Amino acid sequence: MLWGEVVHDGPTTRELPALVARLAKQRQSPIGYDPASLGALDIIDAIARNHRDVKTVALTTGQYGAACLAVDSALRAGTFAHSRQAPLDAAVEVATKRPLGDGGFGWGRKTSAGNIAPLVAVTIAARMFDALPRPRRSSGILLPSSTG
């Protein structure tokens, strides 16, 4: 079973980096992000400047592709669970796939018919969770991608 939860769905505000950093500290988890997302880079830069004790991790193309495959497989198998959050439901409905690497895929921000930031964020959080050492697994911290 794969679990996902959206902790923020809204505009990027000045308060968002502090919220993400606080959650990372509470959950003792690094913050994962897709370096191809310009929206994520702005937030990561703010966290690096103001919250130096919080670790950030840029996912490689392979890691992101593997995370997309894992979430897509869980969605298709009915083993993806969440709290029926409307933004995540809507993102799953409109998400498209784009080719990545040799046979992989990523979520297609530009080709999707709506905002898929919640799906991208949950996908990255799932990857971060999988990368945690077993005793420390609580939940990965996710960073929404740009909605534009």
N, C-alpha and C. Protein backbone atom coordinates (compact mmCIF):
# COMPACT_ATOMS: atom_id res chain seq x y z
N MET A 1 0.85 -1.18 0.00
CA MET A 1 0.00 0.00 0.00
C MET A 1 0.89 1.23 0.00
N LEU A 2 0.57 2.17 -0.84
CA LEU A 2 1.27 3.44 -0.92
C LEU A 2 0.32 4.52 -0.42
N TRP A 3 0.81 5.37 0.47
CA TRP A 3 -0.01 6.43 1.07
C TRP A 3 0.50 7.78 0.61
N GLY A 4 -0.40 8.69 0.30
CA GLY A 4 -0.03 10.04 -0.08
C GLY A 4 -0.93 11.06 0.59
N GLU A 5 -0.36 12.21 0.92
CA GLU A 5 -1.12 13.29 1.54
C GLU A 5 -0.57 14.62 1.06
N VAL A 6 -1.44 15.49 0.64
CA VAL A 6 -1.06 16.83 0.22
C VAL A 6 -1.14 17.73 1.45
N VAL A 7 -0.03 18.38 1.80
CA VAL A 7 -0.03 19.24 2.98
C VAL A 7 -0.20 20.72 2.64
N HIS A 8 -0.09 21.06 1.36
CA HIS A 8 -0.31 22.43 0.93
C HIS A 8 -0.75 22.40 -0.52
N ASP A 9 -1.85 23.04 -0.81
CA ASP A 9 -2.29 23.18 -2.18
C ASP A 9 -2.81 24.59 -2.34
N GLY A 10 -1.99 25.41 -2.88
CA GLY A 10 -2.37 26.80 -3.05
C GLY A 10 -1.20 27.56 -3.63
N PRO A 11 -1.34 28.87 -3.67
CA PRO A 11 -0.27 29.67 -4.25
C PRO A 11 1.00 29.61 -3.40
N THR A 12 2.10 29.82 -4.07
CA THR A 12 3.37 29.90 -3.36
C THR A 12 3.44 31.26 -2.69
N THR A 13 3.53 31.24 -1.38
CA THR A 13 3.60 32.48 -0.61
C THR A 13 4.95 32.57 0.07
N ARG A 14 5.22 33.69 0.69
CA ARG A 14 6.48 33.87 1.43
C ARG A 14 6.56 32.91 2.60
N GLU A 15 5.41 32.45 3.10
CA GLU A 15 5.38 31.56 4.25
C GLU A 15 5.63 30.10 3.89
N LEU A 16 5.49 29.74 2.62
CA LEU A 16 5.60 28.34 2.23
C LEU A 16 6.95 27.70 2.55
N PRO A 17 8.09 28.34 2.27
CA PRO A 17 9.36 27.70 2.62
C PRO A 17 9.48 27.39 4.12
N ALA A 18 8.99 28.28 4.97
CA ALA A 18 9.03 28.04 6.41
C ALA A 18 8.13 26.87 6.80
N LEU A 19 6.96 26.76 6.18
CA LEU A 19 6.06 25.64 6.45
C LEU A 19 6.72 24.32 6.06
N VAL A 20 7.30 24.26 4.87
CA VAL A 20 7.95 23.04 4.40
C VAL A 20 9.13 22.69 5.30
N ALA A 21 9.93 23.67 5.68
CA ALA A 21 11.08 23.43 6.57
C ALA A 21 10.61 22.92 7.93
N ARG A 22 9.53 23.49 8.46
CA ARG A 22 9.02 23.05 9.76
C ARG A 22 8.55 21.59 9.70
N LEU A 23 7.85 21.24 8.63
CA LEU A 23 7.40 19.86 8.47
C LEU A 23 8.59 18.90 8.35
N ALA A 24 9.61 19.32 7.63
CA ALA A 24 10.80 18.47 7.48
C ALA A 24 11.47 18.24 8.84
N LYS A 25 11.54 19.26 9.65
CA LYS A 25 12.14 19.11 10.98
C LYS A 25 11.28 18.22 11.86
N GLN A 26 9.98 18.44 11.85
CA GLN A 26 9.08 17.62 12.66
C GLN A 26 9.16 16.15 12.29
N ARG A 27 9.25 15.87 11.01
CA ARG A 27 9.23 14.48 10.53
C ARG A 27 10.64 13.91 10.34
N GLN A 28 11.64 14.72 10.65
CA GLN A 28 13.04 14.30 10.52
C GLN A 28 13.30 13.69 9.14
N SER A 29 12.90 14.43 8.13
CA SER A 29 13.00 13.95 6.76
C SER A 29 13.57 15.05 5.88
N PRO A 30 14.40 14.66 4.92
CA PRO A 30 14.86 15.67 3.96
C PRO A 30 13.72 16.07 3.03
N ILE A 31 13.90 17.20 2.37
CA ILE A 31 12.92 17.70 1.42
C ILE A 31 13.38 17.30 0.02
N GLY A 32 12.54 16.56 -0.68
CA GLY A 32 12.85 16.17 -2.04
C GLY A 32 12.23 17.15 -3.02
N TYR A 33 12.91 17.30 -4.16
CA TYR A 33 12.35 18.17 -5.19
C TYR A 33 12.86 17.75 -6.56
N ASP A 34 12.11 18.17 -7.57
CA ASP A 34 12.47 17.94 -8.96
C ASP A 34 13.20 19.18 -9.45
N PRO A 35 14.49 19.06 -9.75
CA PRO A 35 15.24 20.26 -10.18
C PRO A 35 14.77 20.82 -11.52
N ALA A 36 13.91 20.11 -12.25
CA ALA A 36 13.36 20.63 -13.50
C ALA A 36 12.20 21.58 -13.25
N SER A 37 11.73 21.65 -12.01
CA SER A 37 10.62 22.53 -11.67
C SER A 37 11.13 23.88 -11.18
N LEU A 38 10.91 24.92 -11.96
CA LEU A 38 11.38 26.25 -11.56
C LEU A 38 10.69 26.73 -10.29
N GLY A 39 9.42 26.38 -10.13
CA GLY A 39 8.71 26.75 -8.91
C GLY A 39 9.34 26.13 -7.68
N ALA A 40 9.75 24.89 -7.80
CA ALA A 40 10.40 24.22 -6.67
C ALA A 40 11.74 24.86 -6.35
N LEU A 41 12.47 25.27 -7.37
CA LEU A 41 13.80 25.85 -7.15
C LEU A 41 13.73 27.13 -6.32
N ASP A 42 12.72 27.96 -6.56
CA ASP A 42 12.56 29.18 -5.76
C ASP A 42 12.37 28.84 -4.28
N ILE A 43 11.55 27.85 -4.02
CA ILE A 43 11.27 27.45 -2.64
C ILE A 43 12.51 26.83 -2.00
N ILE A 44 13.20 25.98 -2.73
CA ILE A 44 14.41 25.34 -2.22
C ILE A 44 15.48 26.39 -1.92
N ASP A 45 15.62 27.39 -2.79
CA ASP A 45 16.59 28.48 -2.53
C ASP A 45 16.26 29.20 -1.23
N ALA A 46 14.99 29.49 -1.01
CA ALA A 46 14.59 30.17 0.23
C ALA A 46 14.87 29.30 1.45
N ILE A 47 14.63 28.00 1.34
CA ILE A 47 14.92 27.09 2.45
C ILE A 47 16.42 27.04 2.71
N ALA A 48 17.22 26.97 1.66
CA ALA A 48 18.68 26.92 1.81
C ALA A 48 19.21 28.18 2.48
N ARG A 49 18.62 29.33 2.18
CA ARG A 49 19.06 30.59 2.78
C ARG A 49 18.63 30.73 4.24
N ASN A 50 17.41 30.31 4.55
CA ASN A 50 16.82 30.61 5.85
C ASN A 50 16.70 29.43 6.81
N HIS A 51 16.93 28.23 6.32
CA HIS A 51 16.78 27.03 7.15
C HIS A 51 17.93 26.07 6.84
N ARG A 52 19.13 26.49 7.18
CA ARG A 52 20.33 25.74 6.80
C ARG A 52 20.42 24.36 7.45
N ASP A 53 19.63 24.13 8.47
CA ASP A 53 19.66 22.83 9.15
C ASP A 53 18.74 21.81 8.49
N VAL A 54 18.04 22.20 7.43
CA VAL A 54 17.13 21.29 6.72
C VAL A 54 17.83 20.79 5.46
N LYS A 55 17.86 19.48 5.31
CA LYS A 55 18.50 18.87 4.15
C LYS A 55 17.52 18.84 2.97
N THR A 56 18.02 19.19 1.79
CA THR A 56 17.24 19.10 0.57
C THR A 56 17.93 18.12 -0.39
N VAL A 57 17.11 17.43 -1.16
CA VAL A 57 17.63 16.41 -2.08
C VAL A 57 17.00 16.60 -3.45
N ALA A 58 17.84 16.86 -4.44
CA ALA A 58 17.36 16.95 -5.82
C ALA A 58 17.28 15.54 -6.38
N LEU A 59 16.12 15.15 -6.83
CA LEU A 59 15.97 13.83 -7.43
C LEU A 59 16.63 13.80 -8.81
N THR A 60 17.28 12.69 -9.11
CA THR A 60 17.82 12.50 -10.45
C THR A 60 16.66 12.15 -11.38
N THR A 61 16.92 12.19 -12.66
CA THR A 61 15.90 11.80 -13.63
C THR A 61 15.45 10.36 -13.39
N GLY A 62 16.41 9.49 -13.12
CA GLY A 62 16.08 8.09 -12.86
C GLY A 62 15.24 7.90 -11.61
N GLN A 63 15.58 8.62 -10.55
CA GLN A 63 14.80 8.53 -9.31
C GLN A 63 13.39 9.04 -9.51
N TYR A 64 13.27 10.15 -10.22
CA TYR A 64 11.94 10.71 -10.47
C TYR A 64 11.11 9.76 -11.34
N GLY A 65 11.73 9.21 -12.37
CA GLY A 65 11.02 8.26 -13.23
C GLY A 65 10.57 7.03 -12.47
N ALA A 66 11.44 6.51 -11.60
CA ALA A 66 11.08 5.34 -10.80
C ALA A 66 9.93 5.66 -9.85
N ALA A 67 9.95 6.86 -9.29
CA ALA A 67 8.88 7.27 -8.38
C ALA A 67 7.56 7.41 -9.14
N CYS A 68 7.60 7.97 -10.35
CA CYS A 68 6.38 8.08 -11.16
C CYS A 68 5.82 6.70 -11.48
N LEU A 69 6.70 5.77 -11.83
CA LEU A 69 6.26 4.42 -12.13
C LEU A 69 5.63 3.76 -10.90
N ALA A 70 6.24 3.94 -9.73
CA ALA A 70 5.70 3.34 -8.50
C ALA A 70 4.31 3.88 -8.18
N VAL A 71 4.14 5.19 -8.29
CA VAL A 71 2.84 5.79 -8.00
C VAL A 71 1.81 5.37 -9.05
N ASP A 72 2.20 5.39 -10.31
CA ASP A 72 1.28 4.98 -11.37
C ASP A 72 0.86 3.52 -11.18
N SER A 73 1.80 2.66 -10.83
CA SER A 73 1.48 1.24 -10.60
C SER A 73 0.52 1.08 -9.43
N ALA A 74 0.76 1.84 -8.35
CA ALA A 74 -0.12 1.76 -7.19
C ALA A 74 -1.52 2.28 -7.53
N LEU A 75 -1.60 3.33 -8.33
CA LEU A 75 -2.91 3.86 -8.74
C LEU A 75 -3.67 2.82 -9.57
N ARG A 76 -2.98 2.19 -10.49
CA ARG A 76 -3.62 1.19 -11.36
C ARG A 76 -4.03 -0.07 -10.58
N ALA A 77 -3.23 -0.43 -9.57
CA ALA A 77 -3.51 -1.65 -8.79
C ALA A 77 -4.51 -1.39 -7.67
N GLY A 78 -4.85 -0.13 -7.45
CA GLY A 78 -5.77 0.19 -6.35
C GLY A 78 -5.11 0.11 -4.99
N THR A 79 -3.78 0.27 -4.97
CA THR A 79 -3.05 0.19 -3.70
C THR A 79 -2.49 1.55 -3.28
N PHE A 80 -3.01 2.61 -3.87
CA PHE A 80 -2.64 3.97 -3.48
C PHE A 80 -3.75 4.53 -2.61
N ALA A 81 -3.41 4.95 -1.42
CA ALA A 81 -4.43 5.46 -0.49
C ALA A 81 -4.13 6.92 -0.14
N HIS A 82 -5.19 7.67 0.03
CA HIS A 82 -5.07 9.04 0.56
C HIS A 82 -6.42 9.44 1.12
N SER A 83 -6.47 10.59 1.73
CA SER A 83 -7.67 11.04 2.44
C SER A 83 -8.70 11.68 1.53
N ARG A 84 -8.86 11.15 0.34
CA ARG A 84 -9.84 11.68 -0.63
C ARG A 84 -9.71 13.19 -0.75
N GLN A 85 -8.52 13.63 -1.00
CA GLN A 85 -8.27 15.06 -1.16
C GLN A 85 -8.59 15.46 -2.59
N ALA A 86 -9.50 16.39 -2.75
CA ALA A 86 -9.97 16.80 -4.07
C ALA A 86 -8.83 17.26 -5.00
N PRO A 87 -7.87 18.05 -4.53
CA PRO A 87 -6.79 18.47 -5.43
C PRO A 87 -5.97 17.29 -5.97
N LEU A 88 -5.75 16.28 -5.14
CA LEU A 88 -4.99 15.11 -5.59
C LEU A 88 -5.84 14.27 -6.55
N ASP A 89 -7.10 14.09 -6.23
CA ASP A 89 -8.01 13.37 -7.14
C ASP A 89 -8.03 14.05 -8.52
N ALA A 90 -8.15 15.37 -8.52
CA ALA A 90 -8.22 16.11 -9.78
C ALA A 90 -6.91 15.99 -10.56
N ALA A 91 -5.79 16.03 -9.87
CA ALA A 91 -4.49 15.91 -10.53
C ALA A 91 -4.33 14.55 -11.19
N VAL A 92 -4.76 13.51 -10.50
CA VAL A 92 -4.67 12.16 -11.07
C VAL A 92 -5.53 12.06 -12.33
N GLU A 93 -6.68 12.70 -12.32
CA GLU A 93 -7.59 12.64 -13.47
C GLU A 93 -7.01 13.29 -14.72
N VAL A 94 -6.26 14.37 -14.57
CA VAL A 94 -5.79 15.12 -15.74
C VAL A 94 -4.33 14.88 -16.10
N ALA A 95 -3.61 14.14 -15.28
CA ALA A 95 -2.17 13.95 -15.50
C ALA A 95 -1.88 13.18 -16.79
N THR A 96 -0.88 13.65 -17.49
CA THR A 96 -0.36 12.93 -18.65
C THR A 96 1.08 12.51 -18.34
N LYS A 97 1.63 11.67 -19.19
CA LYS A 97 2.99 11.20 -19.01
C LYS A 97 3.88 11.77 -20.11
N ARG A 98 5.14 12.04 -19.74
CA ARG A 98 6.13 12.48 -20.73
C ARG A 98 7.30 11.50 -20.67
N PRO A 99 7.95 11.26 -21.79
CA PRO A 99 9.07 10.32 -21.81
C PRO A 99 10.24 10.83 -20.96
N LEU A 100 10.87 9.91 -20.26
CA LEU A 100 12.08 10.20 -19.47
C LEU A 100 13.08 9.08 -19.70
N GLY A 101 14.29 9.44 -19.99
CA GLY A 101 15.34 8.44 -20.10
C GLY A 101 15.03 7.38 -21.15
N ASP A 102 15.43 6.17 -20.84
CA ASP A 102 15.27 5.05 -21.77
C ASP A 102 14.06 4.21 -21.38
N GLY A 103 12.89 4.64 -21.80
CA GLY A 103 11.67 3.89 -21.54
C GLY A 103 10.91 4.30 -20.30
N GLY A 104 11.41 5.26 -19.54
CA GLY A 104 10.71 5.72 -18.34
C GLY A 104 9.76 6.86 -18.67
N PHE A 105 9.10 7.36 -17.64
CA PHE A 105 8.22 8.51 -17.84
C PHE A 105 8.17 9.36 -16.58
N GLY A 106 7.78 10.60 -16.79
CA GLY A 106 7.51 11.52 -15.70
C GLY A 106 6.14 12.12 -15.93
N TRP A 107 5.59 12.75 -14.90
CA TRP A 107 4.29 13.40 -15.08
C TRP A 107 4.49 14.63 -15.97
N GLY A 108 3.59 14.82 -16.94
CA GLY A 108 3.71 15.90 -17.91
C GLY A 108 3.03 17.18 -17.46
N ARG A 109 3.77 18.04 -16.81
CA ARG A 109 3.19 19.30 -16.34
C ARG A 109 2.63 20.13 -17.49
N LYS A 110 3.38 20.22 -18.58
CA LYS A 110 2.98 21.08 -19.70
C LYS A 110 1.85 20.49 -20.53
N THR A 111 1.75 19.17 -20.58
CA THR A 111 0.74 18.54 -21.44
C THR A 111 -0.53 18.12 -20.71
N SER A 112 -0.53 18.23 -19.40
CA SER A 112 -1.71 17.86 -18.63
C SER A 112 -2.78 18.94 -18.75
N ALA A 113 -4.02 18.53 -18.61
CA ALA A 113 -5.15 19.44 -18.79
C ALA A 113 -5.48 20.27 -17.56
N GLY A 114 -4.63 20.24 -16.56
CA GLY A 114 -4.87 21.01 -15.34
C GLY A 114 -3.65 20.94 -14.43
N ASN A 115 -3.84 21.36 -13.22
CA ASN A 115 -2.77 21.41 -12.22
C ASN A 115 -2.46 19.99 -11.72
N ILE A 116 -1.23 19.54 -11.93
CA ILE A 116 -0.84 18.23 -11.42
C ILE A 116 0.18 18.35 -10.30
N ALA A 117 0.37 19.56 -9.77
CA ALA A 117 1.34 19.76 -8.69
C ALA A 117 1.10 18.81 -7.50
N PRO A 118 -0.15 18.57 -7.08
CA PRO A 118 -0.33 17.65 -5.96
C PRO A 118 0.17 16.23 -6.26
N LEU A 119 -0.03 15.76 -7.48
CA LEU A 119 0.44 14.43 -7.86
C LEU A 119 1.96 14.38 -7.92
N VAL A 120 2.57 15.40 -8.48
CA VAL A 120 4.04 15.46 -8.54
C VAL A 120 4.61 15.48 -7.13
N ALA A 121 4.01 16.27 -6.26
CA ALA A 121 4.50 16.38 -4.88
C ALA A 121 4.38 15.05 -4.13
N VAL A 122 3.25 14.39 -4.27
CA VAL A 122 3.06 13.10 -3.61
C VAL A 122 4.03 12.06 -4.17
N THR A 123 4.28 12.12 -5.47
CA THR A 123 5.22 11.20 -6.10
C THR A 123 6.62 11.38 -5.52
N ILE A 124 7.05 12.63 -5.39
CA ILE A 124 8.38 12.90 -4.83
C ILE A 124 8.44 12.50 -3.36
N ALA A 125 7.38 12.77 -2.63
CA ALA A 125 7.35 12.38 -1.21
C ALA A 125 7.45 10.86 -1.05
N ALA A 126 6.78 10.13 -1.94
CA ALA A 126 6.86 8.66 -1.88
C ALA A 126 8.30 8.20 -2.09
N ARG A 127 8.99 8.83 -3.01
CA ARG A 127 10.40 8.50 -3.26
C ARG A 127 11.25 8.81 -2.03
N MET A 128 11.00 9.95 -1.42
CA MET A 128 11.78 10.35 -0.25
C MET A 128 11.52 9.38 0.91
N PHE A 129 10.28 8.95 1.06
CA PHE A 129 9.95 7.98 2.10
C PHE A 129 10.71 6.67 1.87
N ASP A 130 10.71 6.21 0.64
CA ASP A 130 11.41 4.96 0.33
C ASP A 130 12.91 5.05 0.59
N ALA A 131 13.47 6.25 0.49
CA ALA A 131 14.91 6.44 0.69
C ALA A 131 15.30 6.57 2.15
N LEU A 132 14.33 6.76 3.05
CA LEU A 132 14.65 6.89 4.47
C LEU A 132 15.12 5.56 5.04
N PRO A 133 16.04 5.60 6.00
CA PRO A 133 16.41 4.36 6.69
C PRO A 133 15.18 3.80 7.39
N ARG A 134 15.04 2.51 7.43
CA ARG A 134 13.84 1.87 7.99
C ARG A 134 13.42 2.40 9.36
N PRO A 135 14.31 2.53 10.34
CA PRO A 135 13.83 2.98 11.66
C PRO A 135 13.29 4.41 11.66
N ARG A 136 13.73 5.25 10.71
CA ARG A 136 13.31 6.65 10.71
C ARG A 136 12.13 6.93 9.81
N ARG A 137 11.61 5.96 9.14
CA ARG A 137 10.52 6.22 8.20
C ARG A 137 9.31 6.79 8.92
N SER A 138 8.98 8.01 8.61
CA SER A 138 7.74 8.60 9.11
C SER A 138 6.91 8.98 7.89
N SER A 139 7.33 9.99 7.18
CA SER A 139 6.73 10.30 5.89
C SER A 139 7.63 11.29 5.19
N GLY A 140 7.74 11.17 3.90
CA GLY A 140 8.58 12.07 3.12
C GLY A 140 7.95 13.45 3.06
N ILE A 141 8.80 14.44 2.95
CA ILE A 141 8.31 15.80 2.80
C ILE A 141 8.31 16.10 1.31
N LEU A 142 7.24 16.68 0.85
CA LEU A 142 7.08 16.92 -0.55
C LEU A 142 7.04 18.40 -0.84
N LEU A 143 7.41 18.71 -2.03
CA LEU A 143 7.40 20.10 -2.47
C LEU A 143 6.59 20.18 -3.74
N PRO A 144 5.50 20.91 -3.72
CA PRO A 144 4.69 20.99 -4.94
C PRO A 144 5.50 21.61 -6.08
N SER A 145 5.25 21.13 -7.27
CA SER A 145 5.91 21.72 -8.44
C SER A 145 5.15 22.97 -8.83
N SER A 146 5.70 23.72 -9.71
CA SER A 146 5.06 24.93 -10.18
C SER A 146 3.73 24.59 -10.85
N THR A 147 2.74 25.40 -10.61
CA THR A 147 1.42 25.16 -11.22
C THR A 147 1.35 25.74 -12.62
N GLY A 148 2.37 26.45 -13.02
CA GLY A 148 2.33 27.08 -14.32
C GLY A 148 3.02 26.32 -15.40
